[in-house]
Amino acid sequence: MTQRTTYPTFRHDGDRGRDEQPPTLFEELSQRRDGVLQLLDLAREQLQLIEGDGFDSLWQLQLQKEKLASRLSVQSSGPPPLLDRWLAERDSLPPSVRRHCDQLIDEAEEGMRLLMEEEAISAEALRRRMASTRDELLTLADGRKSHLAHSPPEPQKGRRLVDFEA
């Protein structure tokens, strides 16, 4: 299994203490990018688990992905929604901060594009594994039917094979 990249801890406003200031737009965009990249890492790990029969660990990984995706959704939907905040504040930001924010947005969008590709690859790998398992089970069932058809019948319990009273 590959080593997972470490990103800063992803937080949303609900994680902040009462005395902390709300995150700046740059911080929120940075957290969003980091969260997307964490999801991408989990999606890559998911594919390794599917291909390597790690189905027990797959459920735990899915829970991690759901939790992270939920946090990203809460952050993006505001209030105010992150996109609305970006559109409202970007022209008032210093050029260097605006460039950094644009870069964070580009990195997050590229991460989402790669994430969608990884998820499609994982879904196809899972479909192939399911089809393979189904085929194996059908083969086993056919083998059992063939075995039963060519085997002598087993005596039924509770019935006599020889009638001594006749």
Foldseek 3Di string as FASTA:
>chain_A
DDDQDDDPDQDAPVPDDPPDDHDDLLVLLLSLLRLLSNLLSLLVVLLVCLVVVVVVCNVVSVVVNVVSVVRSVDQCVDVVHSVVVCVVCLVVDDPVSSVSSVVSVVSSVVSVVSSVVSVVVSVVSNVVVVVVVVVVVVVVVVVVVVCVVPDDDDDDPPDDPDDPVD
